[in-house]
C-alpha atoms as a PDB file:
ATOM      1  CA  MET A   1      12.653  22.810 -58.356  1.00  0.00           C
ATOM      2  CA  SER A   2      11.372  22.397 -54.796  1.00  0.00           C
ATOM      3  CA  PHE A   3      10.531  19.077 -53.171  1.00  0.00           C
ATOM      4  CA  LYS A   4       8.198  18.733 -50.171  1.00  0.00           C
ATOM      5  CA  LYS A   5       9.491  16.912 -47.102  1.00  0.00           C
ATOM      6  CA  ASN A   6       8.022  13.451 -46.395  1.00  0.00           C
ATOM      7  CA  THR A   7       6.181  13.460 -49.750  1.00  0.00           C
ATOM      8  CA  ALA A   8       6.696  10.829 -52.451  1.00  0.00           C
ATOM      9  CA  VAL A   9       8.226  11.867 -55.785  1.00  0.00           C
ATOM     10  CA  THR A  10       7.172  10.172 -59.002  1.00  0.00           C
ATOM     11  CA  GLY A  11       9.638  10.145 -61.917  1.00  0.00           C
ATOM     12  CA  PHE A  12      12.740  11.752 -60.448  1.00  0.00           C
ATOM     13  CA  THR A  13      15.059  11.867 -63.506  1.00  0.00           C
ATOM     14  CA  VAL A  14      18.834  11.533 -63.796  1.00  0.00           C
ATOM     15  CA  GLY A  15      21.127  11.420 -66.850  1.00  0.00           C
ATOM     16  CA  LEU A  16      23.744   8.640 -67.089  1.00  0.00           C
ATOM     17  CA  VAL A  17      26.674   8.501 -69.553  1.00  0.00           C
ATOM     18  CA  SER A  18      29.300   5.888 -70.274  1.00  0.00           C
ATOM     19  CA  ALA A  19      32.505   6.104 -68.307  1.00  0.00           C
ATOM     20  CA  THR A  20      34.393   4.929 -71.407  1.00  0.00           C
ATOM     21  CA  ASP A  21      33.318   7.311 -74.167  1.00  0.00           C
ATOM     22  CA  GLY A  22      30.722   9.589 -72.617  1.00  0.00           C
ATOM     23  CA  SER A  23      27.856   8.175 -74.674  1.00  0.00           C
ATOM     24  CA  ASP A  24      24.339   7.918 -73.285  1.00  0.00           C
ATOM     25  CA  ILE A  25      23.556   4.772 -71.267  1.00  0.00           C
ATOM     26  CA  THR A  26      20.325   3.312 -72.520  1.00  0.00           C
ATOM     27  CA  THR A  27      20.524  -0.261 -71.293  1.00  0.00           C
ATOM     28  CA  GLY A  28      21.220  -2.142 -68.084  1.00  0.00           C
ATOM     29  CA  THR A  29      19.809  -1.307 -64.682  1.00  0.00           C
ATOM     30  CA  PRO A  30      20.976   1.764 -62.770  1.00  0.00           C
ATOM     31  CA  VAL A  31      20.936   1.602 -58.950  1.00  0.00           C
ATOM     32  CA  GLY A  32      20.005   4.525 -56.704  1.00  0.00           C
ATOM     33  CA  TYR A  33      21.006   5.271 -53.058  1.00  0.00           C
ATOM     34  CA  TYR A  34      19.887   7.923 -50.605  1.00  0.00           C
ATOM     35  CA  THR A  35      20.876   9.487 -47.259  1.00  0.00           C
ATOM     36  CA  ILE A  36      18.680  11.537 -44.938  1.00  0.00           C
ATOM     37  CA  ASP A  37      20.243  14.461 -43.069  1.00  0.00           C
ATOM     38  CA  GLY A  38      23.709  12.889 -43.315  1.00  0.00           C
ATOM     39  CA  GLY A  39      22.592   9.503 -42.058  1.00  0.00           C
ATOM     40  CA  THR A  40      23.416   5.969 -43.272  1.00  0.00           C
ATOM     41  CA  GLN A  41      23.321   5.422 -47.046  1.00  0.00           C
ATOM     42  CA  THR A  42      20.492   3.094 -48.084  1.00  0.00           C
ATOM     43  CA  ALA A  43      19.434   1.669 -51.446  1.00  0.00           C
ATOM     44  CA  ILE A  44      16.435   3.300 -53.081  1.00  0.00           C
ATOM     45  CA  GLY A  45      13.377   1.060 -53.064  1.00  0.00           C
ATOM     46  CA  ASP A  46      12.731   1.505 -56.831  1.00  0.00           C
ATOM     47  CA  VAL A  47      14.893  -1.241 -58.424  1.00  0.00           C
ATOM     48  CA  THR A  48      13.223  -0.998 -61.863  1.00  0.00           C
ATOM     49  CA  PRO A  49      13.917   2.532 -63.044  1.00  0.00           C
ATOM     50  CA  VAL A  50      12.553   3.467 -66.484  1.00  0.00           C
ATOM     51  CA  HIS A  51      14.756   4.647 -69.344  1.00  0.00           C
ATOM     52  CA  GLU A  52      12.916   7.653 -70.746  1.00  0.00           C
ATOM     53  CA  GLY A  53      15.323   8.112 -73.688  1.00  0.00           C
ATOM     54  CA  ASN A  54      18.751   9.580 -74.562  1.00  0.00           C
ATOM     55  CA  GLY A  55      20.286   8.296 -71.298  1.00  0.00           C
ATOM     56  CA  GLN A  56      17.598   9.803 -69.049  1.00  0.00           C
ATOM     57  CA  TRP A  57      16.365   7.448 -66.317  1.00  0.00           C
ATOM     58  CA  SER A  58      13.455   8.035 -63.930  1.00  0.00           C
ATOM     59  CA  PHE A  59      13.136   6.746 -60.337  1.00  0.00           C
ATOM     60  CA  ASP A  60      10.143   6.831 -57.991  1.00  0.00           C
ATOM     61  CA  LEU A  61      11.054   7.994 -54.447  1.00  0.00           C
ATOM     62  CA  THR A  62       8.859   7.079 -51.467  1.00  0.00           C
ATOM     63  CA  ALA A  63       7.754   9.509 -48.731  1.00  0.00           C
ATOM     64  CA  GLY A  64      10.117   7.823 -46.281  1.00  0.00           C
ATOM     65  CA  GLU A  65      13.065   8.333 -48.663  1.00  0.00           C
ATOM     66  CA  MET A  66      12.158  12.040 -48.781  1.00  0.00           C
ATOM     67  CA  ASN A  67      11.588  12.458 -45.010  1.00  0.00           C
ATOM     68  CA  GLY A  68      14.531  14.712 -44.259  1.00  0.00           C
ATOM     69  CA  ASP A  69      15.592  18.356 -44.453  1.00  0.00           C
ATOM     70  CA  VAL A  70      18.502  17.413 -46.716  1.00  0.00           C
ATOM     71  CA  VAL A  71      18.232  14.316 -48.954  1.00  0.00           C
ATOM     72  CA  GLY A  72      21.364  13.098 -50.732  1.00  0.00           C
ATOM     73  CA  LEU A  73      20.890  10.961 -53.882  1.00  0.00           C
ATOM     74  CA  VAL A  74      23.496   8.863 -55.717  1.00  0.00           C
ATOM     75  CA  PHE A  75      22.906   6.931 -58.960  1.00  0.00           C
ATOM     76  CA  THR A  76      25.328   4.301 -60.273  1.00  0.00           C
ATOM     77  CA  HIS A  77      25.642   2.050 -63.345  1.00  0.00           C
ATOM     78  CA  ALA A  78      28.002  -0.797 -64.035  1.00  0.00           C
ATOM     79  CA  THR A  79      29.535   1.072 -67.034  1.00  0.00           C
ATOM     80  CA  GLY A  80      28.546   4.620 -66.253  1.00  0.00           C
ATOM     81  CA  ILE A  81      29.751   7.657 -64.326  1.00  0.00           C
ATOM     82  CA  THR A  82      28.188   8.060 -60.836  1.00  0.00           C
ATOM     83  CA  VAL A  83      25.762  10.963 -60.572  1.00  0.00           C
ATOM     84  CA  GLN A  84      24.916  12.790 -57.319  1.00  0.00           C
ATOM     85  CA  HIS A  85      22.065  15.128 -56.391  1.00  0.00           C
ATOM     86  CA  THR A  86      21.419  16.992 -53.096  1.00  0.00           C
ATOM     87  CA  ILE A  87      17.836  18.058 -52.351  1.00  0.00           C
ATOM     88  CA  LYS A  88      16.899  20.578 -49.659  1.00  0.00           C
ATOM     89  CA  THR A  89      13.242  19.903 -48.923  1.00  0.00           C
ATOM     90  CA  VAL A  90      10.548  22.381 -47.792  1.00  0.00           C
ATOM     91  CA  THR A  91       7.496  21.879 -45.615  1.00  0.00           C
ATOM     92  CA  GLU A  92       5.152  23.846 -47.862  1.00  0.00           C
ATOM     93  CA  LEU A  93       5.194  24.357 -51.623  1.00  0.00           C
ATOM     94  CA  VAL A  94       4.106  27.532 -53.353  1.00  0.00           C
ATOM     95  CA  SER A  95       1.309  25.511 -54.937  1.00  0.00           C
ATOM     96  CA  ASP A  96       0.053  24.662 -51.425  1.00  0.00           C
ATOM     97  CA  LEU A  97      -0.025  28.368 -50.511  1.00  0.00           C
ATOM     98  CA  ASN A  98      -1.935  29.180 -53.698  1.00  0.00           C
ATOM     99  CA  ASP A  99      -4.758  27.004 -52.410  1.00  0.00           C
ATOM    100  CA  VAL A 100      -5.306  29.303 -49.391  1.00  0.00           C
ATOM    101  CA  VAL A 101      -8.528  31.287 -49.820  1.00  0.00           C
ATOM    102  CA  GLY A 102      -8.331  34.822 -48.373  1.00  0.00           C
ATOM    103  CA  PRO A 103     -11.243  36.935 -47.127  1.00  0.00           C
ATOM    104  CA  THR A 104     -13.486  38.725 -49.575  1.00  0.00           C
ATOM    105  CA  VAL A 105     -13.414  42.519 -49.824  1.00  0.00           C
ATOM    106  CA  SER A 106     -16.573  42.788 -47.730  1.00  0.00           C
ATOM    107  CA  GLU A 107     -15.132  40.417 -45.116  1.00  0.00           C
ATOM    108  CA  PHE A 108     -11.894  42.421 -45.013  1.00  0.00           C
ATOM    109  CA  ASN A 109     -13.751  45.715 -44.610  1.00  0.00           C
ATOM    110  CA  ALA A 110     -15.933  44.234 -41.869  1.00  0.00           C
ATOM    111  CA  ARG A 111     -12.801  43.273 -39.923  1.00  0.00           C
ATOM    112  CA  THR A 112     -11.077  46.604 -40.352  1.00  0.00           C
ATOM    113  CA  LEU A 113     -11.502  49.258 -37.626  1.00  0.00           C
ATOM    114  CA  LEU A 114     -12.134  52.853 -38.498  1.00  0.00           C
ATOM    115  CA  ALA A 115      -9.438  55.269 -37.421  1.00  0.00           C
ATOM    116  CA  ALA A 116     -11.804  56.664 -34.817  1.00  0.00           C
ATOM    117  CA  SER A 117     -12.067  53.246 -33.196  1.00  0.00           C
ATOM    118  CA  TYR A 118      -8.321  52.768 -32.700  1.00  0.00           C
ATOM    119  CA  PHE A 119      -7.358  52.441 -28.994  1.00  0.00           C
ATOM    120  CA  ASP A 120      -5.048  55.172 -27.684  1.00  0.00           C
ATOM    121  CA  PRO A 121      -3.190  53.696 -24.606  1.00  0.00           C
ATOM    122  CA  ALA A 122      -2.095  57.186 -23.592  1.00  0.00           C
ATOM    123  CA  ALA A 123      -5.592  58.659 -23.397  1.00  0.00           C
ATOM    124  CA  ASP A 124      -8.225  55.920 -23.632  1.00  0.00           C
ATOM    125  CA  THR A 125      -9.574  53.861 -20.690  1.00  0.00           C
ATOM    126  CA  VAL A 126     -10.011  50.087 -20.736  1.00  0.00           C
ATOM    127  CA  ALA A 127     -13.681  49.414 -20.015  1.00  0.00           C
ATOM    128  CA  ASN A 128     -13.229  45.805 -18.899  1.00  0.00           C
ATOM    129  CA  VAL A 129     -10.437  43.224 -18.564  1.00  0.00           C
ATOM    130  CA  THR A 130     -11.488  39.548 -18.581  1.00  0.00           C
ATOM    131  CA  THR A 131      -8.088  37.885 -18.177  1.00  0.00           C
ATOM    132  CA  VAL A 132      -4.551  39.230 -17.779  1.00  0.00           C
ATOM    133  CA  ALA A 133      -1.703  36.908 -18.630  1.00  0.00           C
ATOM    134  CA  THR A 134       1.497  36.809 -16.548  1.00  0.00           C
ATOM    135  CA  THR A 135       3.065  40.260 -16.612  1.00  0.00           C
ATOM    136  CA  THR A 136       6.537  41.617 -15.914  1.00  0.00           C
ATOM    137  CA  THR A 137       7.188  43.879 -12.926  1.00  0.00           C
ATOM    138  CA  ASN A 138       5.086  47.032 -13.050  1.00  0.00           C
ATOM    139  CA  THR A 139       6.216  49.767 -10.664  1.00  0.00           C
ATOM    140  CA  ASP A 140       2.994  51.708 -11.238  1.00  0.00           C
ATOM    141  CA  MET A 141       0.708  48.932  -9.943  1.00  0.00           C
ATOM    142  CA  ARG A 142       0.546  48.061  -6.254  1.00  0.00           C
ATOM    143  CA  GLY A 143      -1.624  45.903  -3.995  1.00  0.00           C
ATOM    144  CA  THR A 144      -1.635  42.575  -5.841  1.00  0.00           C
ATOM    145  CA  ASP A 145       1.551  41.090  -4.339  1.00  0.00           C
ATOM    146  CA  SER A 146       0.521  37.814  -2.620  1.00  0.00           C
ATOM    147  CA  ALA A 147      -3.134  38.825  -3.121  1.00  0.00           C
ATOM    148  CA  ALA A 148      -5.761  36.504  -1.631  1.00  0.00           C
ATOM    149  CA  THR A 149      -8.055  34.561  -3.953  1.00  0.00           C
ATOM    150  CA  ALA A 150     -11.813  35.038  -4.011  1.00  0.00           C
ATOM    151  CA  THR A 151     -12.249  31.733  -2.141  1.00  0.00           C
ATOM    152  CA  ALA A 152      -9.860  32.815   0.627  1.00  0.00           C
ATOM    153  CA  LEU A 153     -11.600  36.187   0.932  1.00  0.00           C
ATOM    154  CA  ALA A 154     -14.967  34.410   1.183  1.00  0.00           C
ATOM    155  CA  THR A 155     -13.643  32.366   4.123  1.00  0.00           C
ATOM    156  CA  VAL A 156     -12.385  35.505   5.846  1.00  0.00           C
ATOM    157  CA  ASP A 157     -15.776  37.172   5.255  1.00  0.00           C
ATOM    158  CA  THR A 158     -17.572  34.221   6.893  1.00  0.00           C
ATOM    159  CA  ASN A 159     -15.278  34.340   9.934  1.00  0.00           C
ATOM    160  CA  ILE A 160     -15.803  38.096  10.289  1.00  0.00           C
ATOM    161  CA  ASP A 161     -19.598  37.600  10.188  1.00  0.00           C
ATOM    162  CA  THR A 162     -19.249  35.076  13.078  1.00  0.00           C
ATOM    163  CA  ILE A 163     -17.081  37.509  15.051  1.00  0.00           C
ATOM    164  CA  LEU A 164     -19.665  40.276  14.556  1.00  0.00           C
ATOM    165  CA  VAL A 165     -22.394  38.016  15.977  1.00  0.00           C
ATOM    166  CA  ASP A 166     -20.239  37.230  19.014  1.00  0.00           C
ATOM    167  CA  THR A 167     -19.258  40.851  19.676  1.00  0.00           C
ATOM    168  CA  ASN A 168     -22.890  42.015  19.330  1.00  0.00           C
ATOM    169  CA  ASP A 169     -23.851  39.408  21.906  1.00  0.00           C
ATOM    170  CA  LEU A 170     -21.128  40.694  24.253  1.00  0.00           C
ATOM    171  CA  GLN A 171     -22.358  44.239  23.844  1.00  0.00           C
ATOM    172  CA  THR A 172     -25.945  43.187  24.612  1.00  0.00           C
ATOM    173  CA  ASN A 173     -24.947  41.269  27.767  1.00  0.00           C
ATOM    174  CA  GLN A 174     -22.207  43.619  28.946  1.00  0.00           C
ATOM    175  CA  GLY A 175     -21.868  43.369  32.698  1.00  0.00           C
ATOM    176  CA  ASN A 176     -23.902  40.122  32.863  1.00  0.00           C
ATOM    177  CA  TRP A 177     -21.579  37.372  31.605  1.00  0.00           C
ATOM    178  CA  ALA A 178     -23.806  34.642  33.015  1.00  0.00           C
ATOM    179  CA  THR A 179     -26.370  35.280  30.228  1.00  0.00           C
ATOM    180  CA  ALA A 180     -23.869  35.851  27.396  1.00  0.00           C
ATOM    181  CA  THR A 181     -24.139  33.152  24.704  1.00  0.00           C
ATOM    182  CA  GLY A 182     -21.111  30.880  24.488  1.00  0.00           C
ATOM    183  CA  PHE A 183     -19.752  31.699  27.964  1.00  0.00           C
ATOM    184  CA  SER A 184     -19.503  29.033  30.679  1.00  0.00           C
ATOM    185  CA  THR A 185     -21.037  29.801  34.095  1.00  0.00           C
ATOM    186  CA  PHE A 186     -19.196  26.924  35.774  1.00  0.00           C
ATOM    187  CA  ASP A 187     -17.851  27.764  39.229  1.00  0.00           C
ATOM    188  CA  HIS A 188     -14.917  25.467  39.917  1.00  0.00           C
ATOM    189  CA  THR A 189     -15.058  26.151  43.663  1.00  0.00           C
ATOM    190  CA  THR A 190     -18.641  24.951  44.170  1.00  0.00           C
ATOM    191  CA  ASP A 191     -19.961  23.233  41.020  1.00  0.00           C
ATOM    192  CA  THR A 192     -19.615  19.527  40.226  1.00  0.00           C
ATOM    193  CA  VAL A 193     -18.363  18.096  36.915  1.00  0.00           C
ATOM    194  CA  ALA A 194     -21.179  15.918  35.547  1.00  0.00           C
ATOM    195  CA  ASN A 195     -19.052  13.902  33.152  1.00  0.00           C
ATOM    196  CA  VAL A 196     -15.417  13.688  32.015  1.00  0.00           C
ATOM    197  CA  THR A 197     -14.832  12.152  28.574  1.00  0.00           C
ATOM    198  CA  THR A 198     -11.046  12.257  28.391  1.00  0.00           C
ATOM    199  CA  VAL A 199      -8.344  13.403  30.817  1.00  0.00           C
ATOM    200  CA  ALA A 200      -4.922  14.143  29.383  1.00  0.00           C
ATOM    201  CA  THR A 201      -1.722  13.208  31.216  1.00  0.00           C
ATOM    202  CA  THR A 202      -1.691  15.060  34.542  1.00  0.00           C
ATOM    203  CA  THR A 203       0.978  15.895  37.112  1.00  0.00           C
ATOM    204  CA  THR A 204       0.915  14.375  40.587  1.00  0.00           C
ATOM    205  CA  ASN A 205      -2.316  15.214  42.399  1.00  0.00           C
ATOM    206  CA  THR A 206      -2.354  14.425  46.122  1.00  0.00           C
ATOM    207  CA  ASP A 207      -6.120  14.984  46.260  1.00  0.00           C
ATOM    208  CA  MET A 208      -6.979  12.105  43.895  1.00  0.00           C
ATOM    209  CA  ARG A 209      -6.578   8.481  44.940  1.00  0.00           C
ATOM    210  CA  GLY A 210      -7.572   5.082  43.572  1.00  0.00           C
ATOM    211  CA  THR A 211      -5.802   5.112  40.172  1.00  0.00           C
ATOM    212  CA  ASP A 212      -2.272   4.207  41.398  1.00  0.00           C
ATOM    213  CA  SER A 213      -1.185   1.006  39.625  1.00  0.00           C
ATOM    214  CA  ALA A 214      -4.681   0.747  38.117  1.00  0.00           C
ATOM    215  CA  ALA A 215      -5.257  -2.199  35.814  1.00  0.00           C
ATOM    216  CA  THR A 216      -5.592  -1.542  32.096  1.00  0.00           C
ATOM    217  CA  ALA A 217      -8.593  -2.575  30.046  1.00  0.00           C
ATOM    218  CA  SER A 218      -6.701  -5.548  28.590  1.00  0.00           C
ATOM    219  CA  GLU A 219      -5.694  -6.786  32.044  1.00  0.00           C
ATOM    220  CA  LEU A 220      -9.284  -6.461  33.282  1.00  0.00           C
ATOM    221  CA  ALA A 221     -10.411  -8.478  30.254  1.00  0.00           C
ATOM    222  CA  ILE A 222      -8.055 -11.310  31.312  1.00  0.00           C
ATOM    223  CA  VAL A 223      -9.431 -11.243  34.872  1.00  0.00           C
ATOM    224  CA  ASP A 224     -12.975 -11.303  33.484  1.00  0.00           C
ATOM    225  CA  ALA A 225     -12.169 -14.356  31.362  1.00  0.00           C
ATOM    226  CA  ASN A 226     -10.679 -16.164  34.357  1.00  0.00           C
ATOM    227  CA  VAL A 227     -13.712 -15.371  36.515  1.00  0.00           C
ATOM    228  CA  ASP A 228     -15.937 -16.759  33.760  1.00  0.00           C
ATOM    229  CA  SER A 229     -13.911 -19.997  33.824  1.00  0.00           C
ATOM    230  CA  ILE A 230     -14.194 -20.213  37.627  1.00  0.00           C
ATOM    231  CA  LEU A 231     -17.951 -19.721  37.403  1.00  0.00           C
ATOM    232  CA  VAL A 232     -18.134 -22.593  34.905  1.00  0.00           C
ATOM    233  CA  ASP A 233     -16.101 -24.859  37.209  1.00  0.00           C
ATOM    234  CA  THR A 234     -18.017 -24.031  40.385  1.00  0.00           C
ATOM    235  CA  GLY A 235     -21.379 -24.013  38.713  1.00  0.00           C
ATOM    236  CA  THR A 236     -21.058 -27.029  36.386  1.00  0.00           C
ATOM    237  CA  SER A 237     -17.822 -29.054  36.483  1.00  0.00           C
ATOM    238  CA  ILE A 238     -17.247 -29.454  40.222  1.00  0.00           C
ATOM    239  CA  PRO A 239     -20.900 -30.259  41.096  1.00  0.00           C
ATOM    240  CA  ALA A 240     -20.892 -32.849  38.317  1.00  0.00           C
ATOM    241  CA  ASP A 241     -17.702 -34.487  39.669  1.00  0.00           C
ATOM    242  CA  ILE A 242     -19.165 -34.575  43.198  1.00  0.00           C
ATOM    243  CA  ALA A 243     -22.386 -36.047  41.915  1.00  0.00           C
ATOM    244  CA  ALA A 244     -20.402 -38.749  40.112  1.00  0.00           C
ATOM    245  CA  LEU A 245     -18.618 -39.663  43.386  1.00  0.00           C
ATOM    246  CA  ASN A 246     -21.958 -39.971  45.135  1.00  0.00           C
ATOM    247  CA  ASP A 247     -23.101 -42.478  42.527  1.00  0.00           C
ATOM    248  CA  ILE A 248     -20.516 -45.188  43.531  1.00  0.00           C
ATOM    249  CA  SER A 249     -22.351 -48.373  44.565  1.00  0.00           C
ATOM    250  CA  VAL A 250     -21.369 -50.902  47.216  1.00  0.00           C
ATOM    251  CA  SER A 251     -20.942 -53.575  44.539  1.00  0.00           C
ATOM    252  CA  GLU A 252     -18.433 -51.397  42.682  1.00  0.00           C
ATOM    253  CA  VAL A 253     -16.356 -51.030  45.852  1.00  0.00           C
ATOM    254  CA  LEU A 254     -16.429 -54.764  46.698  1.00  0.00           C
ATOM    255  CA  THR A 255     -15.895 -56.162  43.209  1.00  0.00           C
ATOM    256  CA  THR A 256     -13.286 -53.752  41.870  1.00  0.00           C
ATOM    257  CA  GLN A 257      -9.826 -55.353  41.809  1.00  0.00           C
ATOM    258  CA  MET A 258      -7.231 -53.502  43.890  1.00  0.00           C
ATOM    259  CA  THR A 259      -3.815 -52.514  42.628  1.00  0.00           C
ATOM    260  CA  GLU A 260      -1.110 -54.478  44.414  1.00  0.00           C
ATOM    261  CA  SER A 261       0.982 -52.216  46.639  1.00  0.00           C
ATOM    262  CA  TYR A 262       2.706 -52.454  50.015  1.00  0.00           C
ATOM    263  CA  ALA A 263       3.699 -49.695  52.450  1.00  0.00           C
ATOM    264  CA  THR A 264       7.349 -49.617  53.497  1.00  0.00           C
ATOM    265  CA  ASP A 265       8.336 -50.472  57.055  1.00  0.00           C
ATOM    266  CA  GLY A 266       7.465 -47.603  59.411  1.00  0.00           C
ATOM    267  CA  THR A 267       5.055 -45.948  56.894  1.00  0.00           C
ATOM    268  CA  ALA A 268       1.314 -45.777  57.436  1.00  0.00           C
ATOM    269  CA  PRO A 269      -0.413 -47.822  54.668  1.00  0.00           C
ATOM    270  CA  THR A 270      -3.379 -46.988  52.550  1.00  0.00           C
ATOM    271  CA  LEU A 271      -6.468 -49.123  52.898  1.00  0.00           C
ATOM    272  CA  ALA A 272      -5.508 -51.108  49.822  1.00  0.00           C
ATOM    273  CA  GLN A 273      -1.882 -51.572  51.060  1.00  0.00           C
ATOM    274  CA  ALA A 274      -3.098 -52.786  54.501  1.00  0.00           C
ATOM    275  CA  LEU A 275      -5.521 -55.283  52.978  1.00  0.00           C
ATOM    276  CA  MET A 276      -2.887 -56.634  50.563  1.00  0.00           C
ATOM    277  CA  LEU A 277      -0.355 -57.178  53.380  1.00  0.00           C
ATOM    278  CA  ILE A 278      -2.966 -58.916  55.605  1.00  0.00           C
ATOM    279  CA  GLN A 279      -4.011 -61.194  52.704  1.00  0.00           C
ATOM    280  CA  GLN A 280      -0.445 -62.186  51.802  1.00  0.00           C
ATOM    281  CA  SER A 281       0.561 -62.626  55.489  1.00  0.00           C
ATOM    282  CA  LEU A 282      -2.253 -65.141  55.974  1.00  0.00           C
ATOM    283  CA  GLY A 283      -1.893 -67.128  52.809  1.00  0.00           C
ATOM    284  CA  ASP A 284       1.589 -66.796  51.284  1.00  0.00           C
ATOM    285  CA  PHE A 285       4.521 -66.780  53.719  1.00  0.00           C
ATOM    286  CA  ALA A 286       7.540 -68.864  54.802  1.00  0.00           C
ATOM    287  CA  ILE A 287       9.267 -69.268  58.224  1.00  0.00           C
ATOM    288  CA  SER A 288      12.993 -69.785  58.494  1.00  0.00           C
ATOM    289  CA  GLY A 289      14.438 -69.629  62.024  1.00  0.00           C
ATOM    290  CA  THR A 290      13.209 -66.327  63.434  1.00  0.00           C
ATOM    291  CA  THR A 291      12.367 -64.803  60.039  1.00  0.00           C
ATOM    292  CA  ILE A 292       8.945 -64.799  58.442  1.00  0.00           C
ATOM    293  CA  THR A 293       8.996 -63.864  54.720  1.00  0.00           C
ATOM    294  CA  VAL A 294       5.680 -62.713  53.136  1.00  0.00           C
ATOM    295  CA  LYS A 295       5.468 -63.157  49.362  1.00  0.00           C
ATOM    296  CA  LYS A 296       3.618 -61.024  46.861  1.00  0.00           C
ATOM    297  CA  VAL A 297       0.689 -62.307  44.797  1.00  0.00           C
ATOM    298  CA  ASP A 298       3.120 -63.876  42.300  1.00  0.00           C
ATOM    299  CA  GLY A 299       4.335 -66.162  45.158  1.00  0.00           C
ATOM    300  CA  ALA A 300       8.002 -65.423  44.488  1.00  0.00           C
ATOM    301  CA  THR A 301       8.692 -61.763  45.138  1.00  0.00           C
ATOM    302  CA  THR A 302       9.154 -60.663  48.774  1.00  0.00           C
ATOM    303  CA  ALA A 303       6.538 -58.175  49.942  1.00  0.00           C
ATOM    304  CA  ALA A 304       7.722 -57.848  53.571  1.00  0.00           C
ATOM    305  CA  THR A 305       9.736 -59.664  56.313  1.00  0.00           C
ATOM    306  CA  PHE A 306       9.074 -60.075  60.026  1.00  0.00           C
ATOM    307  CA  THR A 307      11.354 -61.161  62.946  1.00  0.00           C
ATOM    308  CA  LEU A 308      10.169 -63.611  65.711  1.00  0.00           C
ATOM    309  CA  ASP A 309      11.443 -63.214  69.240  1.00  0.00           C
ATOM    310  CA  ASP A 310      12.135 -66.991  69.402  1.00  0.00           C
ATOM    311  CA  GLY A 311      12.564 -69.603  66.713  1.00  0.00           C
ATOM    312  CA  THR A 312      10.824 -72.355  68.724  1.00  0.00           C
ATOM    313  CA  ASN A 313       8.271 -70.761  70.978  1.00  0.00           C
ATOM    314  CA  PRO A 314       7.735 -67.215  69.702  1.00  0.00           C
ATOM    315  CA  THR A 315       5.591 -64.829  71.647  1.00  0.00           C
ATOM    316  CA  SER A 316       5.976 -61.676  69.471  1.00  0.00           C
ATOM    317  CA  THR A 317       6.822 -60.559  65.941  1.00  0.00           C
ATOM    318  CA  THR A 318       8.249 -57.344  64.535  1.00  0.00           C
ATOM    319  CA  ARG A 319       8.323 -56.183  60.927  1.00  0.00           C
ATOM    320  CA  ALA A 320      11.837 -56.069  59.606  1.00  0.00           C
ATOM    321  CA  SER A 321      11.341 -54.819  56.031  1.00  0.00           C
END
């Protein structure tokens, strides 16, 4: 009997006899195991086999348990002799093939060529070939090695058409190149270049000057930004500062407290330093012998010292510090 691969089997039967006296086993629960293509042995899913009578037991096998080319089955019983079965499955059963419906006689005759219609490769000619699959080397056929495609040939055809137009134009204007289409009439000895878009790197040219150490666009942009800042300063900031200086009033000059400071001996003072020294020399000083000591505003710190030419009847004084 044939079994189809990966197809469930209902009621697979096996006979079990006692290992003691060979009598039929009619009670208990047999256990089945299966292997697929020599794989790991696994218990059959049907754990409630049916006793059909006279020691014959039936098991239901699932499609998964039959999904192999060779299925090994083993059936055991606690008191019985182990039984083994090996099943070689098939992909199609004869019953499946019987279901195939063939053509009718009229259909068969319609698809059969008359002897006169048979193709003779030695004498007949192929009227048309739509597609040829990859072929082996054919020493009788030449000209297709590295053959161009239709697209490539179309491109070549377009280029040839353009060449024909150009050569016809040359023929028409032969001897008068000045009127030939596509030819330049520029005379480099007398004509002037109207515009130059890009000049590639050139060798040294002693006739051209003005580009040695020329600034780049980025450097010129920096200069431009600096000039803009200068224009802002000269046009807005500096005039505003000058105007602010012109707005100082007399009262601000006379009522603004000066910062105390004194010029050192032998150094020309500022206006504020000169006024501070005059003020302190008139109102805060001490005489000891031939030394006059002028105090600062705090009345304690020395601001300057002077030396008299005589301690009793002085006629001159000189700054000492």
